[in-house]
Amino acid sequence: MNNIKKAANEIKKAKYLLINAGAGMGVDSGLPDFRGNEGFWMAYPIAKKLGLNFQALANPAWFDINPRLAWAFYGHRLNLYRNTTPHRGFEILKNLPHNKFVFTSNVDGQFQKAGFDDKKIVEIHGSIHYLQCSVPCGDEIWENNEEVEVDMEKFEALNILKCKFCGSVARPNILMFGDFRFVEKRVEVQLARYEYWLSQIDDKLVILEIGAGKAVPTVRYESEKIKNMFNATLIRINPREADGADIEIPLRAKEALEKIEAYL
């Protein structure tokens, strides 16, 4: 409880807040935790039958080899994210009066759905709500307003989304494993806005890192880099891997944020 109070005090003193979020941020909204094969296979029992783990499925090659399987996986996730309501922790963060920016490895669009300013978010691994050509025929990215129907028994998509420029198979604008075809244009624009925001920091910065694990450490690296750059205070909320921060809070996102809010 002492660390909760410390975190609240640091947040109170700060003018700037960097919210760095990993997959653990969405678990309290009911989104599956893909940490380890068991968590993934609980969400996708058919993948266990096929002997495919998350890393094997989240690979751009499937859009060539078996686009129905590729779109079963991403179509199901798209539908899941569209139907998910962000938990109360998002609202607590949104209501903080600081000048804030979000840096996230999540592709689910939950921060935008919760009402955060789209121009103050970096989705470093892209977003499932945008599409690109799987070839790719060019560097175009467009919003995904289409529906994907998935037969979960057979684990195949009943329809395959197509590139609106060349007619090839379309794919989500997400950075996958072993991915040399990810079109970075949208992320580059987000990063340019982020760099500009960082360049304006002239007072106390607090980094609030939530649910970012060591398995894919993109978000943790960013937290540590910015902490060193600005001599910022790093608060790390993570039920299993809270170590290595100025203030370690070994809780899940929603519980930790509600406890911090009580002190603010």
C-alpha atoms as a PDB file:
ATOM      1  CA  MET A   1       0.000   0.000   0.000  1.00  0.00           C
ATOM      2  CA  ASN A   2       2.959   2.281   0.674  1.00  0.00           C
ATOM      3  CA  ASN A   3       3.973   2.114  -3.009  1.00  0.00           C
ATOM      4  CA  ILE A   4       0.441   3.057  -4.055  1.00  0.00           C
ATOM      5  CA  LYS A   5       0.668   6.217  -1.952  1.00  0.00           C
ATOM      6  CA  LYS A   6       4.170   6.953  -3.282  1.00  0.00           C
ATOM      7  CA  ALA A   7       2.913   6.557  -6.859  1.00  0.00           C
ATOM      8  CA  ALA A   8      -0.013   8.921  -6.203  1.00  0.00           C
ATOM      9  CA  ASN A   9       2.345  11.523  -4.704  1.00  0.00           C
ATOM     10  CA  GLU A  10       4.701  11.349  -7.694  1.00  0.00           C
ATOM     11  CA  ILE A  11       1.755  11.694 -10.114  1.00  0.00           C
ATOM     12  CA  LYS A  12       0.490  14.718  -8.143  1.00  0.00           C
ATOM     13  CA  LYS A  13       3.882  16.438  -8.460  1.00  0.00           C
ATOM     14  CA  ALA A  14       4.215  15.787 -12.203  1.00  0.00           C
ATOM     15  CA  LYS A  15       3.282  18.099 -15.042  1.00  0.00           C
ATOM     16  CA  TYR A  16       3.823  15.490 -17.773  1.00  0.00           C
ATOM     17  CA  LEU A  17       2.652  11.885 -17.833  1.00  0.00           C
ATOM     18  CA  LEU A  18       3.813   9.196 -20.226  1.00  0.00           C
ATOM     19  CA  ILE A  19       1.476   6.172 -20.166  1.00  0.00           C
ATOM     20  CA  ASN A  20       3.322   3.099 -21.457  1.00  0.00           C
ATOM     21  CA  ALA A  21       0.991   0.136 -21.879  1.00  0.00           C
ATOM     22  CA  GLY A  22       1.448  -3.503 -22.799  1.00  0.00           C
ATOM     23  CA  ALA A  23      -0.956  -6.447 -23.170  1.00  0.00           C
ATOM     24  CA  GLY A  24      -1.693  -6.546 -19.433  1.00  0.00           C
ATOM     25  CA  MET A  25      -3.592  -3.257 -19.777  1.00  0.00           C
ATOM     26  CA  GLY A  26      -6.470  -4.996 -21.572  1.00  0.00           C
ATOM     27  CA  VAL A  27      -6.882  -8.084 -19.360  1.00  0.00           C
ATOM     28  CA  ASP A  28      -9.345  -6.373 -16.992  1.00  0.00           C
ATOM     29  CA  SER A  29     -11.559  -5.547 -19.970  1.00  0.00           C
ATOM     30  CA  GLY A  30     -11.864  -9.297 -20.556  1.00  0.00           C
ATOM     31  CA  LEU A  31      -9.271  -9.520 -23.327  1.00  0.00           C
ATOM     32  CA  PRO A  32      -7.248 -12.760 -23.362  1.00  0.00           C
ATOM     33  CA  ASP A  33      -3.727 -12.793 -21.994  1.00  0.00           C
ATOM     34  CA  PHE A  34      -1.602 -14.485 -24.656  1.00  0.00           C
ATOM     35  CA  ARG A  35       1.302 -14.874 -22.249  1.00  0.00           C
ATOM     36  CA  GLY A  36       2.690 -18.398 -22.757  1.00  0.00           C
ATOM     37  CA  ASN A  37       1.145 -21.142 -24.863  1.00  0.00           C
ATOM     38  CA  GLU A  38      -1.479 -22.125 -22.277  1.00  0.00           C
ATOM     39  CA  GLY A  39      -3.045 -18.643 -22.142  1.00  0.00           C
ATOM     40  CA  PHE A  40      -3.104 -18.501 -25.928  1.00  0.00           C
ATOM     41  CA  TRP A  41      -4.539 -21.988 -26.357  1.00  0.00           C
ATOM     42  CA  MET A  42      -7.265 -21.243 -23.829  1.00  0.00           C
ATOM     43  CA  ALA A  43      -8.417 -18.434 -26.137  1.00  0.00           C
ATOM     44  CA  TYR A  44      -7.857 -20.535 -29.303  1.00  0.00           C
ATOM     45  CA  PRO A  45      -8.330 -24.258 -28.526  1.00  0.00           C
ATOM     46  CA  ILE A  46      -8.245 -25.038 -32.257  1.00  0.00           C
ATOM     47  CA  ALA A  47      -4.717 -23.615 -32.475  1.00  0.00           C
ATOM     48  CA  LYS A  48      -3.625 -26.156 -29.868  1.00  0.00           C
ATOM     49  CA  LYS A  49      -5.065 -28.919 -32.057  1.00  0.00           C
ATOM     50  CA  LEU A  50      -3.134 -27.540 -35.027  1.00  0.00           C
ATOM     51  CA  GLY A  51       0.009 -27.264 -32.877  1.00  0.00           C
ATOM     52  CA  LEU A  52       0.302 -23.514 -33.487  1.00  0.00           C
ATOM     53  CA  ASN A  53       1.288 -21.026 -30.790  1.00  0.00           C
ATOM     54  CA  PHE A  54       0.847 -17.245 -30.899  1.00  0.00           C
ATOM     55  CA  GLN A  55       4.215 -16.635 -32.532  1.00  0.00           C
ATOM     56  CA  ALA A  56       3.530 -19.219 -35.229  1.00  0.00           C
ATOM     57  CA  LEU A  57       0.094 -17.769 -36.060  1.00  0.00           C
ATOM     58  CA  ALA A  58       1.064 -14.086 -35.864  1.00  0.00           C
ATOM     59  CA  ASN A  59       3.206 -14.481 -38.971  1.00  0.00           C
ATOM     60  CA  PRO A  60       2.614 -12.683 -42.284  1.00  0.00           C
ATOM     61  CA  ALA A  61       3.383 -15.876 -44.265  1.00  0.00           C
ATOM     62  CA  TRP A  62      -0.130 -17.212 -43.520  1.00  0.00           C
ATOM     63  CA  PHE A  63      -1.632 -14.499 -45.726  1.00  0.00           C
ATOM     64  CA  ASP A  64       0.164 -16.239 -48.643  1.00  0.00           C
ATOM     65  CA  ILE A  65      -0.088 -19.887 -47.540  1.00  0.00           C
ATOM     66  CA  ASN A  66      -3.576 -19.953 -46.034  1.00  0.00           C
ATOM     67  CA  PRO A  67      -5.387 -16.587 -45.983  1.00  0.00           C
ATOM     68  CA  ARG A  68      -8.542 -18.163 -44.519  1.00  0.00           C
ATOM     69  CA  LEU A  69      -6.557 -19.282 -41.472  1.00  0.00           C
ATOM     70  CA  ALA A  70      -4.782 -15.899 -41.241  1.00  0.00           C
ATOM     71  CA  TRP A  71      -8.096 -14.036 -41.341  1.00  0.00           C
ATOM     72  CA  ALA A  72      -9.708 -16.489 -38.890  1.00  0.00           C
ATOM     73  CA  PHE A  73      -7.095 -15.445 -36.334  1.00  0.00           C
ATOM     74  CA  TYR A  74      -7.114 -11.712 -37.066  1.00  0.00           C
ATOM     75  CA  GLY A  75     -10.842 -11.582 -37.872  1.00  0.00           C
ATOM     76  CA  HIS A  76     -11.693 -13.130 -34.510  1.00  0.00           C
ATOM     77  CA  ARG A  77      -9.400 -10.669 -32.716  1.00  0.00           C
ATOM     78  CA  LEU A  78     -10.891  -7.757 -34.685  1.00  0.00           C
ATOM     79  CA  ASN A  79     -14.416  -8.747 -33.639  1.00  0.00           C
ATOM     80  CA  LEU A  80     -13.284  -9.256 -30.040  1.00  0.00           C
ATOM     81  CA  TYR A  81     -11.681  -5.786 -29.832  1.00  0.00           C
ATOM     82  CA  ARG A  82     -14.661  -4.115 -31.495  1.00  0.00           C
ATOM     83  CA  ASN A  83     -16.999  -5.674 -28.919  1.00  0.00           C
ATOM     84  CA  THR A  84     -14.840  -4.917 -25.857  1.00  0.00           C
ATOM     85  CA  THR A  85     -15.544  -2.001 -23.510  1.00  0.00           C
ATOM     86  CA  PRO A  86     -12.379  -0.497 -21.976  1.00  0.00           C
ATOM     87  CA  HIS A  87     -12.282  -1.039 -18.190  1.00  0.00           C
ATOM     88  CA  ARG A  88     -12.494   1.828 -15.692  1.00  0.00           C
ATOM     89  CA  GLY A  89      -8.708   2.172 -15.451  1.00  0.00           C
ATOM     90  CA  PHE A  90      -8.723   3.858 -18.867  1.00  0.00           C
ATOM     91  CA  GLU A  91     -11.159   6.500 -17.622  1.00  0.00           C
ATOM     92  CA  ILE A  92      -9.029   7.135 -14.513  1.00  0.00           C
ATOM     93  CA  LEU A  93      -5.991   7.763 -16.746  1.00  0.00           C
ATOM     94  CA  LYS A  94      -7.960   9.912 -19.196  1.00  0.00           C
ATOM     95  CA  ASN A  95      -9.239  12.139 -16.367  1.00  0.00           C
ATOM     96  CA  LEU A  96      -5.770  12.891 -14.978  1.00  0.00           C
ATOM     97  CA  PRO A  97      -5.127  16.606 -15.596  1.00  0.00           C
ATOM     98  CA  HIS A  98      -1.574  16.157 -16.913  1.00  0.00           C
ATOM     99  CA  ASN A  99      -0.134  16.856 -20.324  1.00  0.00           C
ATOM    100  CA  LYS A 100      -0.008  13.203 -21.379  1.00  0.00           C
ATOM    101  CA  PHE A 101       0.978  10.861 -24.179  1.00  0.00           C
ATOM    102  CA  VAL A 102       0.357   7.115 -24.658  1.00  0.00           C
ATOM    103  CA  PHE A 103       2.980   4.678 -25.976  1.00  0.00           C
ATOM    104  CA  THR A 104       1.548   1.182 -26.442  1.00  0.00           C
ATOM    105  CA  SER A 105       2.407  -2.163 -28.014  1.00  0.00           C
ATOM    106  CA  ASN A 106      -1.304  -3.040 -28.070  1.00  0.00           C
ATOM    107  CA  VAL A 107      -3.003  -3.237 -31.454  1.00  0.00           C
ATOM    108  CA  ASP A 108      -6.559  -3.231 -30.058  1.00  0.00           C
ATOM    109  CA  GLY A 109      -7.431   0.500 -30.286  1.00  0.00           C
ATOM    110  CA  GLN A 110      -8.752   0.515 -26.697  1.00  0.00           C
ATOM    111  CA  PHE A 111      -7.198   3.880 -25.810  1.00  0.00           C
ATOM    112  CA  GLN A 112      -9.001   5.561 -28.728  1.00  0.00           C
ATOM    113  CA  LYS A 113     -12.208   3.752 -27.786  1.00  0.00           C
ATOM    114  CA  ALA A 114     -11.844   5.103 -24.221  1.00  0.00           C
ATOM    115  CA  GLY A 115     -11.706   8.650 -25.596  1.00  0.00           C
ATOM    116  CA  PHE A 116      -7.957   9.390 -25.611  1.00  0.00           C
ATOM    117  CA  ASP A 117      -6.734  11.872 -28.222  1.00  0.00           C
ATOM    118  CA  ASP A 118      -5.695   9.840 -31.282  1.00  0.00           C
ATOM    119  CA  LYS A 119      -2.936  12.381 -31.999  1.00  0.00           C
ATOM    120  CA  LYS A 120      -1.281  11.634 -28.646  1.00  0.00           C
ATOM    121  CA  ILE A 121      -0.919   7.874 -29.036  1.00  0.00           C
ATOM    122  CA  VAL A 122       1.906   5.769 -30.491  1.00  0.00           C
ATOM    123  CA  GLU A 123       0.809   2.250 -31.452  1.00  0.00           C
ATOM    124  CA  ILE A 124       4.320   0.951 -31.947  1.00  0.00           C
ATOM    125  CA  HIS A 125       3.187  -2.428 -33.342  1.00  0.00           C
ATOM    126  CA  GLY A 126       0.406  -0.946 -35.494  1.00  0.00           C
ATOM    127  CA  SER A 127      -3.371  -1.355 -35.214  1.00  0.00           C
ATOM    128  CA  ILE A 128      -5.853  -4.070 -36.139  1.00  0.00           C
ATOM    129  CA  HIS A 129      -8.311  -1.335 -37.149  1.00  0.00           C
ATOM    130  CA  TYR A 130      -6.192  -0.432 -40.215  1.00  0.00           C
ATOM    131  CA  LEU A 131      -5.388  -2.489 -43.287  1.00  0.00           C
ATOM    132  CA  GLN A 132      -2.547  -2.716 -45.786  1.00  0.00           C
ATOM    133  CA  CYS A 133      -1.798  -4.902 -48.805  1.00  0.00           C
ATOM    134  CA  SER A 134      -0.116  -8.205 -47.839  1.00  0.00           C
ATOM    135  CA  VAL A 135       2.250  -8.033 -50.848  1.00  0.00           C
ATOM    136  CA  PRO A 136       2.463  -4.963 -50.299  1.00  0.00           C
ATOM    137  CA  CYS A 137       1.724  -3.281 -53.644  1.00  0.00           C
ATOM    138  CA  GLY A 138       2.461   0.149 -52.109  1.00  0.00           C
ATOM    139  CA  ASP A 139       2.601   2.000 -48.803  1.00  0.00           C
ATOM    140  CA  GLU A 140      -1.118   2.738 -48.546  1.00  0.00           C
ATOM    141  CA  ILE A 141      -2.910   2.155 -45.229  1.00  0.00           C
ATOM    142  CA  TRP A 142      -6.672   2.426 -44.893  1.00  0.00           C
ATOM    143  CA  GLU A 143      -9.221   2.143 -42.115  1.00  0.00           C
ATOM    144  CA  ASN A 144     -10.809  -1.261 -41.654  1.00  0.00           C
ATOM    145  CA  ASN A 145     -14.589  -0.808 -41.717  1.00  0.00           C
ATOM    146  CA  GLU A 146     -15.281  -4.314 -43.020  1.00  0.00           C
ATOM    147  CA  GLU A 147     -16.730  -7.319 -41.228  1.00  0.00           C
ATOM    148  CA  VAL A 148     -14.950 -10.675 -41.050  1.00  0.00           C
ATOM    149  CA  GLU A 149     -17.045 -13.762 -40.398  1.00  0.00           C
ATOM    150  CA  VAL A 150     -15.182 -16.640 -38.777  1.00  0.00           C
ATOM    151  CA  ASP A 151     -16.130 -20.300 -38.501  1.00  0.00           C
ATOM    152  CA  MET A 152     -14.502 -21.073 -35.129  1.00  0.00           C
ATOM    153  CA  GLU A 153     -15.114 -24.839 -35.489  1.00  0.00           C
ATOM    154  CA  LYS A 154     -13.027 -25.048 -38.652  1.00  0.00           C
ATOM    155  CA  PHE A 155     -10.988 -21.980 -37.647  1.00  0.00           C
ATOM    156  CA  GLU A 156     -11.343 -20.347 -41.031  1.00  0.00           C
ATOM    157  CA  ALA A 157     -12.620 -17.009 -42.253  1.00  0.00           C
ATOM    158  CA  LEU A 158     -15.732 -17.159 -44.426  1.00  0.00           C
ATOM    159  CA  ASN A 159     -14.565 -14.046 -46.256  1.00  0.00           C
ATOM    160  CA  ILE A 160     -11.094 -12.708 -47.021  1.00  0.00           C
ATOM    161  CA  LEU A 161     -10.432  -8.961 -47.083  1.00  0.00           C
ATOM    162  CA  LYS A 162      -8.794  -7.701 -50.266  1.00  0.00           C
ATOM    163  CA  CYS A 163      -6.418  -4.848 -51.055  1.00  0.00           C
ATOM    164  CA  LYS A 164      -8.488  -2.019 -52.491  1.00  0.00           C
ATOM    165  CA  PHE A 165      -5.634  -1.019 -54.804  1.00  0.00           C
ATOM    166  CA  CYS A 166      -4.498  -4.295 -56.407  1.00  0.00           C
ATOM    167  CA  GLY A 167      -7.025  -6.937 -55.294  1.00  0.00           C
ATOM    168  CA  SER A 168      -4.458  -9.122 -53.475  1.00  0.00           C
ATOM    169  CA  VAL A 169      -5.162 -10.353 -49.944  1.00  0.00           C
ATOM    170  CA  ALA A 170      -5.257  -7.494 -47.428  1.00  0.00           C
ATOM    171  CA  ARG A 171      -3.846  -7.853 -43.902  1.00  0.00           C
ATOM    172  CA  PRO A 172      -3.984  -5.818 -40.705  1.00  0.00           C
ATOM    173  CA  ASN A 173      -1.418  -3.022 -40.449  1.00  0.00           C
ATOM    174  CA  ILE A 174       0.240  -4.854 -37.540  1.00  0.00           C
ATOM    175  CA  LEU A 175       3.907  -5.697 -37.025  1.00  0.00           C
ATOM    176  CA  MET A 176       3.970  -9.499 -36.914  1.00  0.00           C
ATOM    177  CA  PHE A 177       6.807 -11.926 -36.134  1.00  0.00           C
ATOM    178  CA  GLY A 178       9.456 -12.122 -38.881  1.00  0.00           C
ATOM    179  CA  ASP A 179       7.631  -9.346 -40.709  1.00  0.00           C
ATOM    180  CA  PHE A 180       9.411  -7.519 -43.544  1.00  0.00           C
ATOM    181  CA  ARG A 181       6.182  -6.308 -45.154  1.00  0.00           C
ATOM    182  CA  PHE A 182       4.784  -4.117 -42.380  1.00  0.00           C
ATOM    183  CA  VAL A 183       3.998  -0.668 -43.802  1.00  0.00           C
ATOM    184  CA  GLU A 184       5.363   1.732 -41.167  1.00  0.00           C
ATOM    185  CA  LYS A 185       3.898   4.970 -42.505  1.00  0.00           C
ATOM    186  CA  ARG A 186       1.184   5.389 -39.848  1.00  0.00           C
ATOM    187  CA  VAL A 187       3.532   4.502 -36.960  1.00  0.00           C
ATOM    188  CA  GLU A 188       6.138   6.947 -38.321  1.00  0.00           C
ATOM    189  CA  VAL A 189       3.596   9.801 -38.175  1.00  0.00           C
ATOM    190  CA  GLN A 190       2.699   8.827 -34.594  1.00  0.00           C
ATOM    191  CA  LEU A 191       6.388   8.676 -33.618  1.00  0.00           C
ATOM    192  CA  ALA A 192       7.019  12.142 -35.099  1.00  0.00           C
ATOM    193  CA  ARG A 193       4.219  13.584 -32.910  1.00  0.00           C
ATOM    194  CA  TYR A 194       5.640  11.735 -29.904  1.00  0.00           C
ATOM    195  CA  GLU A 195       9.164  13.075 -30.509  1.00  0.00           C
ATOM    196  CA  TYR A 196       7.743  16.599 -30.726  1.00  0.00           C
ATOM    197  CA  TRP A 197       5.851  16.097 -27.432  1.00  0.00           C
ATOM    198  CA  LEU A 198       9.038  14.845 -25.723  1.00  0.00           C
ATOM    199  CA  SER A 199      10.957  17.864 -27.033  1.00  0.00           C
ATOM    200  CA  GLN A 200       8.498  20.193 -25.236  1.00  0.00           C
ATOM    201  CA  ILE A 201       8.966  18.642 -21.755  1.00  0.00           C
ATOM    202  CA  ASP A 202      10.232  21.346 -19.391  1.00  0.00           C
ATOM    203  CA  ASP A 203       9.130  20.065 -15.990  1.00  0.00           C
ATOM    204  CA  LYS A 204       8.628  16.860 -13.970  1.00  0.00           C
ATOM    205  CA  LEU A 205       7.771  13.772 -16.025  1.00  0.00           C
ATOM    206  CA  VAL A 206       6.299  10.560 -14.589  1.00  0.00           C
ATOM    207  CA  ILE A 207       6.230   7.352 -16.609  1.00  0.00           C
ATOM    208  CA  LEU A 208       3.310   5.108 -15.712  1.00  0.00           C
ATOM    209  CA  GLU A 209       4.010   1.701 -17.227  1.00  0.00           C
ATOM    210  CA  ILE A 210       1.133  -0.774 -17.123  1.00  0.00           C
ATOM    211  CA  GLY A 211       1.040  -4.472 -18.009  1.00  0.00           C
ATOM    212  CA  ALA A 212       4.223  -4.540 -20.078  1.00  0.00           C
ATOM    213  CA  GLY A 213       6.037  -7.860 -19.747  1.00  0.00           C
ATOM    214  CA  LYS A 214       9.539  -9.052 -20.537  1.00  0.00           C
ATOM    215  CA  ALA A 215       8.535 -11.526 -23.281  1.00  0.00           C
ATOM    216  CA  VAL A 216       8.160  -8.746 -25.890  1.00  0.00           C
ATOM    217  CA  PRO A 217      10.035  -5.966 -24.068  1.00  0.00           C
ATOM    218  CA  THR A 218       9.398  -3.049 -26.495  1.00  0.00           C
ATOM    219  CA  VAL A 219       7.421  -1.024 -23.949  1.00  0.00           C
ATOM    220  CA  ARG A 220       9.787  -1.699 -21.032  1.00  0.00           C
ATOM    221  CA  TYR A 221      12.768  -0.578 -23.143  1.00  0.00           C
ATOM    222  CA  GLU A 222      10.949   2.638 -24.002  1.00  0.00           C
ATOM    223  CA  SER A 223      10.154   3.313 -20.326  1.00  0.00           C
ATOM    224  CA  GLU A 224      13.774   2.834 -19.317  1.00  0.00           C
ATOM    225  CA  LYS A 225      15.108   4.919 -22.208  1.00  0.00           C
ATOM    226  CA  ILE A 226      12.811   7.875 -21.419  1.00  0.00           C
ATOM    227  CA  LYS A 227      13.441   7.553 -17.664  1.00  0.00           C
ATOM    228  CA  ASN A 228      17.177   7.977 -18.252  1.00  0.00           C
ATOM    229  CA  MET A 229      16.707  10.749 -20.792  1.00  0.00           C
ATOM    230  CA  PHE A 230      14.542  12.925 -18.509  1.00  0.00           C
ATOM    231  CA  ASN A 231      15.512  11.658 -15.051  1.00  0.00           C
ATOM    232  CA  ALA A 232      11.825  10.733 -14.797  1.00  0.00           C
ATOM    233  CA  THR A 233      10.116   8.635 -12.129  1.00  0.00           C
ATOM    234  CA  LEU A 234       9.118   5.195 -13.432  1.00  0.00           C
ATOM    235  CA  ILE A 235       6.060   3.549 -11.858  1.00  0.00           C
ATOM    236  CA  ARG A 236       5.648  -0.051 -13.022  1.00  0.00           C
ATOM    237  CA  ILE A 237       2.282  -1.796 -12.604  1.00  0.00           C
ATOM    238  CA  ASN A 238       2.541  -5.501 -13.357  1.00  0.00           C
ATOM    239  CA  PRO A 239       1.228  -8.467 -11.325  1.00  0.00           C
ATOM    240  CA  ARG A 240       4.213 -10.698 -12.183  1.00  0.00           C
ATOM    241  CA  GLU A 241       7.037  -8.493 -13.450  1.00  0.00           C
ATOM    242  CA  ALA A 242       6.960  -5.179 -11.600  1.00  0.00           C
ATOM    243  CA  ASP A 243      10.703  -5.299 -10.863  1.00  0.00           C
ATOM    244  CA  GLY A 244      13.260  -2.743 -11.988  1.00  0.00           C
ATOM    245  CA  ALA A 245      11.278   0.473 -11.477  1.00  0.00           C
ATOM    246  CA  ASP A 246      11.444   3.377  -9.000  1.00  0.00           C
ATOM    247  CA  ILE A 247       8.021   2.343  -7.715  1.00  0.00           C
ATOM    248  CA  GLU A 248       6.934  -1.281  -8.186  1.00  0.00           C
ATOM    249  CA  ILE A 249       3.237  -2.172  -7.954  1.00  0.00           C
ATOM    250  CA  PRO A 250       2.601  -5.921  -8.356  1.00  0.00           C
ATOM    251  CA  LEU A 251      -1.112  -5.628  -9.211  1.00  0.00           C
ATOM    252  CA  ARG A 252      -3.307  -5.778 -12.296  1.00  0.00           C
ATOM    253  CA  ALA A 253      -4.066  -2.543 -14.137  1.00  0.00           C
ATOM    254  CA  LYS A 254      -7.589  -1.717 -12.967  1.00  0.00           C
ATOM    255  CA  GLU A 255      -6.997  -2.527  -9.282  1.00  0.00           C
ATOM    256  CA  ALA A 256      -3.749  -0.539  -9.169  1.00  0.00           C
ATOM    257  CA  LEU A 257      -5.263   2.495 -10.897  1.00  0.00           C
ATOM    258  CA  GLU A 258      -8.335   2.506  -8.649  1.00  0.00           C
ATOM    259  CA  LYS A 259      -6.101   2.348  -5.560  1.00  0.00           C
ATOM    260  CA  ILE A 260      -3.905   5.190  -6.863  1.00  0.00           C
ATOM    261  CA  GLU A 261      -7.013   7.238  -7.685  1.00  0.00           C
ATOM    262  CA  ALA A 262      -8.166   6.951  -4.045  1.00  0.00           C
ATOM    263  CA  TYR A 263      -5.038   8.916  -3.011  1.00  0.00           C
ATOM    264  CA  LEU A 264      -5.234  11.566  -5.719  1.00  0.00           C
END
